[in-house]
């Protein structure tokens, strides 16, 4: 089970040059809840996610994690976040297993080789774990990100278009992983054009109807 977790935004704004992407964004995502962000391309969804992950400073406003104000690269926030971006952060020359092991080691601790193998098997990559990532399809690359979510122990998941390139089987796996994360008291913020297929009472929306 995760420790009590709560993410709050107050009056967030983002600007790109002289253009305001968004302003006065506020919400609270409590333990066991997910926030789904929708909106057209270029509206600042990824920028907002990067702010919440502690990677980008807002033009205005504050972010609070567990009722404490946090700034970009705040150690407490960065230690709580698992951020899966729209493009998987993978090295083409490394294998799926090597990428996953490095990813987990950077986030947390060096993983056990058996845990890595099991996580890849759970996302149907056991037969491809020794192939360089450059030989994998986009959907297979995204599955490595799902394997990461199985191994990492972070209370705050921030996911950018997590359903992109996933087939029905991988989509169902993500649904189950996210459900287990929320059941354990975790928090999730996701930008998605597609419904995440998790219990409606757990989800609220920013920029569109609940998904």
C-alpha atoms as a PDB file:
ATOM      1  CA  UNK A   1       0.000   0.000   0.000  1.00  0.00           C
ATOM      2  CA  UNK A   2       1.139   3.525  -0.743  1.00  0.00           C
ATOM      3  CA  UNK A   3       1.526   6.177   1.943  1.00  0.00           C
ATOM      4  CA  UNK A   4      -1.169   8.890   1.914  1.00  0.00           C
ATOM      5  CA  UNK A   5      -0.836  10.709  -1.413  1.00  0.00           C
ATOM      6  CA  UNK A   6      -2.384  13.912  -2.688  1.00  0.00           C
ATOM      7  CA  UNK A   7      -1.495  16.164  -5.619  1.00  0.00           C
ATOM      8  CA  UNK A   8      -2.861  19.716  -5.742  1.00  0.00           C
ATOM      9  CA  UNK A   9      -2.493  22.434  -8.372  1.00  0.00           C
ATOM     10  CA  UNK A  10      -3.423  26.056  -7.729  1.00  0.00           C
ATOM     11  CA  UNK A  11      -3.651  28.707 -10.423  1.00  0.00           C
ATOM     12  CA  UNK A  12      -1.242  27.033 -12.854  1.00  0.00           C
ATOM     13  CA  UNK A  13      -0.415  28.837 -16.091  1.00  0.00           C
ATOM     14  CA  UNK A  14       1.855  28.104 -19.045  1.00  0.00           C
ATOM     15  CA  UNK A  15       3.055  30.360 -21.828  1.00  0.00           C
ATOM     16  CA  UNK A  16       4.945  29.707 -25.042  1.00  0.00           C
ATOM     17  CA  UNK A  17       6.494  32.952 -26.177  1.00  0.00           C
ATOM     18  CA  UNK A  18       3.651  35.478 -26.150  1.00  0.00           C
ATOM     19  CA  UNK A  19       0.971  32.777 -26.323  1.00  0.00           C
ATOM     20  CA  UNK A  20      -0.830  31.596 -23.192  1.00  0.00           C
ATOM     21  CA  UNK A  21      -1.397  27.837 -23.405  1.00  0.00           C
ATOM     22  CA  UNK A  22      -3.542  27.713 -20.286  1.00  0.00           C
ATOM     23  CA  UNK A  23      -4.089  29.633 -17.071  1.00  0.00           C
ATOM     24  CA  UNK A  24      -5.782  29.378 -13.688  1.00  0.00           C
ATOM     25  CA  UNK A  25      -5.704  25.558 -13.651  1.00  0.00           C
ATOM     26  CA  UNK A  26      -6.529  24.074 -10.269  1.00  0.00           C
ATOM     27  CA  UNK A  27      -7.464  20.644  -8.917  1.00  0.00           C
ATOM     28  CA  UNK A  28      -6.769  18.098  -6.200  1.00  0.00           C
ATOM     29  CA  UNK A  29      -6.187  14.417  -6.958  1.00  0.00           C
ATOM     30  CA  UNK A  30      -6.440  12.364  -3.777  1.00  0.00           C
ATOM     31  CA  UNK A  31      -5.353   8.851  -2.858  1.00  0.00           C
ATOM     32  CA  UNK A  32      -6.959   6.268  -5.156  1.00  0.00           C
ATOM     33  CA  UNK A  33      -8.038   8.825  -7.787  1.00  0.00           C
ATOM     34  CA  UNK A  34      -7.106   9.531 -11.403  1.00  0.00           C
ATOM     35  CA  UNK A  35      -7.288  12.812 -13.285  1.00  0.00           C
ATOM     36  CA  UNK A  36      -7.720  12.555 -17.059  1.00  0.00           C
ATOM     37  CA  UNK A  37      -6.683  15.604 -19.093  1.00  0.00           C
ATOM     38  CA  UNK A  38      -8.132  16.096 -22.559  1.00  0.00           C
ATOM     39  CA  UNK A  39      -7.907  18.809 -25.199  1.00  0.00           C
ATOM     40  CA  UNK A  40      -6.692  19.460 -28.737  1.00  0.00           C
ATOM     41  CA  UNK A  41      -3.077  19.097 -29.814  1.00  0.00           C
ATOM     42  CA  UNK A  42      -1.039  22.132 -28.819  1.00  0.00           C
ATOM     43  CA  UNK A  43      -3.263  23.047 -25.881  1.00  0.00           C
ATOM     44  CA  UNK A  44      -0.516  22.369 -23.333  1.00  0.00           C
ATOM     45  CA  UNK A  45      -1.408  18.893 -22.021  1.00  0.00           C
ATOM     46  CA  UNK A  46       2.181  17.625 -22.104  1.00  0.00           C
ATOM     47  CA  UNK A  47       3.432  20.903 -20.642  1.00  0.00           C
ATOM     48  CA  UNK A  48       1.024  20.500 -17.729  1.00  0.00           C
ATOM     49  CA  UNK A  49       2.134  16.907 -17.155  1.00  0.00           C
ATOM     50  CA  UNK A  50       5.784  17.958 -17.120  1.00  0.00           C
ATOM     51  CA  UNK A  51       4.960  20.644 -14.532  1.00  0.00           C
ATOM     52  CA  UNK A  52       3.233  18.079 -12.332  1.00  0.00           C
ATOM     53  CA  UNK A  53       6.196  15.716 -12.697  1.00  0.00           C
ATOM     54  CA  UNK A  54       8.565  18.426 -11.502  1.00  0.00           C
ATOM     55  CA  UNK A  55      10.309  18.824 -14.868  1.00  0.00           C
ATOM     56  CA  UNK A  56       9.051  22.284 -15.896  1.00  0.00           C
ATOM     57  CA  UNK A  57       8.299  25.470 -13.957  1.00  0.00           C
ATOM     58  CA  UNK A  58       4.821  27.006 -14.331  1.00  0.00           C
ATOM     59  CA  UNK A  59       4.520  30.597 -15.493  1.00  0.00           C
ATOM     60  CA  UNK A  60       2.233  31.117 -12.502  1.00  0.00           C
ATOM     61  CA  UNK A  61       0.685  29.074  -9.732  1.00  0.00           C
ATOM     62  CA  UNK A  62       1.746  26.397  -7.286  1.00  0.00           C
ATOM     63  CA  UNK A  63       1.948  22.598  -7.090  1.00  0.00           C
ATOM     64  CA  UNK A  64       1.575  20.804  -3.763  1.00  0.00           C
ATOM     65  CA  UNK A  65       2.472  17.190  -3.075  1.00  0.00           C
ATOM     66  CA  UNK A  66       1.098  15.860   0.205  1.00  0.00           C
ATOM     67  CA  UNK A  67       0.157  19.406   1.215  1.00  0.00           C
ATOM     68  CA  UNK A  68       3.674  20.771   0.718  1.00  0.00           C
ATOM     69  CA  UNK A  69       4.563  23.230  -2.022  1.00  0.00           C
ATOM     70  CA  UNK A  70       7.099  21.776  -4.452  1.00  0.00           C
ATOM     71  CA  UNK A  71       9.304  23.341  -7.114  1.00  0.00           C
ATOM     72  CA  UNK A  72      10.798  21.848 -10.292  1.00  0.00           C
ATOM     73  CA  UNK A  73      13.207  18.989  -9.538  1.00  0.00           C
ATOM     74  CA  UNK A  74      12.058  18.893  -5.912  1.00  0.00           C
ATOM     75  CA  UNK A  75      13.524  15.684  -4.490  1.00  0.00           C
ATOM     76  CA  UNK A  76      10.349  14.657  -2.672  1.00  0.00           C
ATOM     77  CA  UNK A  77       8.228  15.044  -5.786  1.00  0.00           C
ATOM     78  CA  UNK A  78      10.740  13.443  -8.133  1.00  0.00           C
ATOM     79  CA  UNK A  79      11.039  10.521  -5.718  1.00  0.00           C
ATOM     80  CA  UNK A  80       7.278  10.001  -5.874  1.00  0.00           C
ATOM     81  CA  UNK A  81       6.767  10.221  -9.659  1.00  0.00           C
ATOM     82  CA  UNK A  82       6.739   7.579 -12.365  1.00  0.00           C
ATOM     83  CA  UNK A  83       6.535   9.575 -15.607  1.00  0.00           C
ATOM     84  CA  UNK A  84       5.808   7.742 -18.856  1.00  0.00           C
ATOM     85  CA  UNK A  85       6.062  10.219 -21.700  1.00  0.00           C
ATOM     86  CA  UNK A  86       4.376  10.115 -25.090  1.00  0.00           C
ATOM     87  CA  UNK A  87       7.624   8.829 -26.603  1.00  0.00           C
ATOM     88  CA  UNK A  88       9.267   5.984 -24.650  1.00  0.00           C
ATOM     89  CA  UNK A  89      12.644   7.004 -23.224  1.00  0.00           C
ATOM     90  CA  UNK A  90      14.531   4.062 -24.699  1.00  0.00           C
ATOM     91  CA  UNK A  91      17.996   3.571 -26.186  1.00  0.00           C
ATOM     92  CA  UNK A  92      17.766   1.909 -29.584  1.00  0.00           C
ATOM     93  CA  UNK A  93      21.034  -0.019 -29.250  1.00  0.00           C
ATOM     94  CA  UNK A  94      20.041  -1.660 -25.944  1.00  0.00           C
ATOM     95  CA  UNK A  95      17.723  -4.636 -25.639  1.00  0.00           C
ATOM     96  CA  UNK A  96      14.265  -4.498 -24.086  1.00  0.00           C
ATOM     97  CA  UNK A  97      15.644  -6.110 -20.933  1.00  0.00           C
ATOM     98  CA  UNK A  98      18.616  -3.751 -20.718  1.00  0.00           C
ATOM     99  CA  UNK A  99      16.429  -0.704 -21.262  1.00  0.00           C
ATOM    100  CA  UNK A 100      13.987  -1.795 -18.579  1.00  0.00           C
ATOM    101  CA  UNK A 101      16.753  -2.573 -16.068  1.00  0.00           C
ATOM    102  CA  UNK A 102      18.431   0.803 -16.672  1.00  0.00           C
ATOM    103  CA  UNK A 103      15.109   2.627 -16.451  1.00  0.00           C
ATOM    104  CA  UNK A 104      14.278   1.071 -13.093  1.00  0.00           C
ATOM    105  CA  UNK A 105      17.800   1.598 -11.732  1.00  0.00           C
ATOM    106  CA  UNK A 106      17.632   5.313 -12.580  1.00  0.00           C
ATOM    107  CA  UNK A 107      14.247   5.658 -10.890  1.00  0.00           C
ATOM    108  CA  UNK A 108      14.687   3.463  -7.882  1.00  0.00           C
ATOM    109  CA  UNK A 109      17.133   0.583  -7.374  1.00  0.00           C
ATOM    110  CA  UNK A 110      18.897  -1.997  -9.563  1.00  0.00           C
ATOM    111  CA  UNK A 111      16.208  -4.601 -10.276  1.00  0.00           C
ATOM    112  CA  UNK A 112      16.615  -8.343  -9.951  1.00  0.00           C
ATOM    113  CA  UNK A 113      17.120  -9.980 -13.367  1.00  0.00           C
ATOM    114  CA  UNK A 114      14.282 -12.405 -12.655  1.00  0.00           C
ATOM    115  CA  UNK A 115      11.927  -9.505 -11.949  1.00  0.00           C
ATOM    116  CA  UNK A 116      12.854  -7.913 -15.272  1.00  0.00           C
ATOM    117  CA  UNK A 117      12.234 -11.178 -17.126  1.00  0.00           C
ATOM    118  CA  UNK A 118       8.897 -11.659 -15.400  1.00  0.00           C
ATOM    119  CA  UNK A 119       7.766  -8.101 -16.153  1.00  0.00           C
ATOM    120  CA  UNK A 120       8.645  -8.513 -19.840  1.00  0.00           C
ATOM    121  CA  UNK A 121       6.832 -11.851 -19.925  1.00  0.00           C
ATOM    122  CA  UNK A 122       3.730 -10.164 -18.500  1.00  0.00           C
ATOM    123  CA  UNK A 123       3.711  -7.767 -21.469  1.00  0.00           C
ATOM    124  CA  UNK A 124       4.374 -10.553 -24.001  1.00  0.00           C
ATOM    125  CA  UNK A 125       7.967  -9.519 -24.718  1.00  0.00           C
ATOM    126  CA  UNK A 126       9.765 -12.543 -23.277  1.00  0.00           C
ATOM    127  CA  UNK A 127      10.736 -13.763 -26.771  1.00  0.00           C
ATOM    128  CA  UNK A 128      12.007 -10.338 -27.738  1.00  0.00           C
ATOM    129  CA  UNK A 129      13.792  -9.356 -24.558  1.00  0.00           C
ATOM    130  CA  UNK A 130      17.238  -9.814 -26.178  1.00  0.00           C
ATOM    131  CA  UNK A 131      16.493  -7.859 -29.354  1.00  0.00           C
ATOM    132  CA  UNK A 132      17.762  -4.297 -29.783  1.00  0.00           C
ATOM    133  CA  UNK A 133      14.864  -1.908 -29.250  1.00  0.00           C
ATOM    134  CA  UNK A 134      15.355  -0.487 -32.752  1.00  0.00           C
ATOM    135  CA  UNK A 135      13.917  -3.761 -34.077  1.00  0.00           C
ATOM    136  CA  UNK A 136      10.714  -3.492 -32.033  1.00  0.00           C
ATOM    137  CA  UNK A 137       7.448  -1.988 -33.213  1.00  0.00           C
ATOM    138  CA  UNK A 138       6.045   1.154 -31.617  1.00  0.00           C
ATOM    139  CA  UNK A 139       3.500  -0.938 -29.729  1.00  0.00           C
ATOM    140  CA  UNK A 140       6.216  -3.246 -28.390  1.00  0.00           C
ATOM    141  CA  UNK A 141       8.217  -0.234 -27.258  1.00  0.00           C
ATOM    142  CA  UNK A 142       5.169   1.028 -25.386  1.00  0.00           C
ATOM    143  CA  UNK A 143       4.859  -2.358 -23.698  1.00  0.00           C
ATOM    144  CA  UNK A 144       8.277  -1.807 -22.105  1.00  0.00           C
ATOM    145  CA  UNK A 145       6.725   1.215 -20.409  1.00  0.00           C
ATOM    146  CA  UNK A 146       3.966  -1.031 -19.051  1.00  0.00           C
ATOM    147  CA  UNK A 147       6.602  -3.444 -17.751  1.00  0.00           C
ATOM    148  CA  UNK A 148       8.207  -0.532 -15.948  1.00  0.00           C
ATOM    149  CA  UNK A 149       4.936   0.318 -14.203  1.00  0.00           C
ATOM    150  CA  UNK A 150       4.817  -3.245 -12.890  1.00  0.00           C
ATOM    151  CA  UNK A 151       8.249  -2.939 -11.287  1.00  0.00           C
ATOM    152  CA  UNK A 152       8.430   0.602  -9.993  1.00  0.00           C
ATOM    153  CA  UNK A 153       7.072   1.589  -6.594  1.00  0.00           C
ATOM    154  CA  UNK A 154       5.991   5.204  -7.022  1.00  0.00           C
ATOM    155  CA  UNK A 155       2.721   6.662  -5.658  1.00  0.00           C
ATOM    156  CA  UNK A 156       2.230   9.220  -8.453  1.00  0.00           C
ATOM    157  CA  UNK A 157       1.902   8.001 -12.045  1.00  0.00           C
ATOM    158  CA  UNK A 158       1.960  10.651 -14.766  1.00  0.00           C
ATOM    159  CA  UNK A 159       1.128   9.183 -18.168  1.00  0.00           C
ATOM    160  CA  UNK A 160       1.141  11.001 -21.516  1.00  0.00           C
ATOM    161  CA  UNK A 161      -1.191   9.318 -24.053  1.00  0.00           C
ATOM    162  CA  UNK A 162      -0.662   5.891 -22.454  1.00  0.00           C
ATOM    163  CA  UNK A 163      -2.936   4.064 -24.934  1.00  0.00           C
ATOM    164  CA  UNK A 164      -1.051   5.150 -28.062  1.00  0.00           C
ATOM    165  CA  UNK A 165      -0.035   2.149 -30.240  1.00  0.00           C
ATOM    166  CA  UNK A 166      -1.357  -0.397 -27.734  1.00  0.00           C
ATOM    167  CA  UNK A 167      -3.412  -3.331 -28.975  1.00  0.00           C
ATOM    168  CA  UNK A 168      -6.456  -4.676 -27.100  1.00  0.00           C
ATOM    169  CA  UNK A 169      -4.385  -7.041 -24.959  1.00  0.00           C
ATOM    170  CA  UNK A 170      -1.945  -4.330 -23.857  1.00  0.00           C
ATOM    171  CA  UNK A 171      -4.810  -1.885 -23.270  1.00  0.00           C
ATOM    172  CA  UNK A 172      -6.426  -4.379 -20.916  1.00  0.00           C
ATOM    173  CA  UNK A 173      -3.098  -4.850 -19.114  1.00  0.00           C
ATOM    174  CA  UNK A 174      -2.798  -1.092 -18.605  1.00  0.00           C
ATOM    175  CA  UNK A 175      -6.352  -1.009 -17.235  1.00  0.00           C
ATOM    176  CA  UNK A 176      -5.492  -3.732 -14.724  1.00  0.00           C
ATOM    177  CA  UNK A 177      -2.186  -2.101 -13.724  1.00  0.00           C
ATOM    178  CA  UNK A 178      -3.842   1.253 -13.216  1.00  0.00           C
ATOM    179  CA  UNK A 179      -6.693  -0.307 -11.252  1.00  0.00           C
ATOM    180  CA  UNK A 180      -4.238  -2.069  -8.938  1.00  0.00           C
ATOM    181  CA  UNK A 181      -2.252   1.162  -8.524  1.00  0.00           C
ATOM    182  CA  UNK A 182      -5.367   3.083  -7.480  1.00  0.00           C
ATOM    183  CA  UNK A 183      -6.562   0.227  -5.265  1.00  0.00           C
ATOM    184  CA  UNK A 184      -3.231   0.493  -3.445  1.00  0.00           C
ATOM    185  CA  UNK A 185      -3.763   4.182  -2.760  1.00  0.00           C
ATOM    186  CA  UNK A 186      -1.776   5.560  -5.672  1.00  0.00           C
ATOM    187  CA  UNK A 187      -2.573   8.660  -7.710  1.00  0.00           C
ATOM    188  CA  UNK A 188      -2.576   9.020 -11.493  1.00  0.00           C
ATOM    189  CA  UNK A 189      -2.679  11.988 -13.869  1.00  0.00           C
ATOM    190  CA  UNK A 190      -2.995  11.074 -17.539  1.00  0.00           C
ATOM    191  CA  UNK A 191      -3.436  12.977 -20.789  1.00  0.00           C
ATOM    192  CA  UNK A 192      -5.470  10.804 -23.113  1.00  0.00           C
ATOM    193  CA  UNK A 193      -7.685  11.147 -26.171  1.00  0.00           C
ATOM    194  CA  UNK A 194      -9.147   7.720 -25.389  1.00  0.00           C
ATOM    195  CA  UNK A 195     -11.066   6.398 -22.347  1.00  0.00           C
ATOM    196  CA  UNK A 196      -8.826   4.667 -19.829  1.00  0.00           C
ATOM    197  CA  UNK A 197     -11.568   2.166 -18.904  1.00  0.00           C
ATOM    198  CA  UNK A 198     -11.233   2.423 -15.152  1.00  0.00           C
ATOM    199  CA  UNK A 199     -14.044   2.791 -12.623  1.00  0.00           C
ATOM    200  CA  UNK A 200     -15.887   6.064 -13.237  1.00  0.00           C
ATOM    201  CA  UNK A 201     -16.071   6.898  -9.537  1.00  0.00           C
ATOM    202  CA  UNK A 202     -12.253   6.976  -9.415  1.00  0.00           C
ATOM    203  CA  UNK A 203     -11.867   9.402 -12.337  1.00  0.00           C
ATOM    204  CA  UNK A 204     -12.479  13.065 -12.883  1.00  0.00           C
ATOM    205  CA  UNK A 205     -11.694  15.097 -15.955  1.00  0.00           C
ATOM    206  CA  UNK A 206      -9.947  18.312 -16.860  1.00  0.00           C
ATOM    207  CA  UNK A 207     -10.895  19.766 -20.241  1.00  0.00           C
ATOM    208  CA  UNK A 208     -13.668  17.332 -21.114  1.00  0.00           C
ATOM    209  CA  UNK A 209     -16.176  14.769 -19.833  1.00  0.00           C
ATOM    210  CA  UNK A 210     -15.112  12.049 -17.414  1.00  0.00           C
ATOM    211  CA  UNK A 211     -13.606   9.041 -19.199  1.00  0.00           C
END
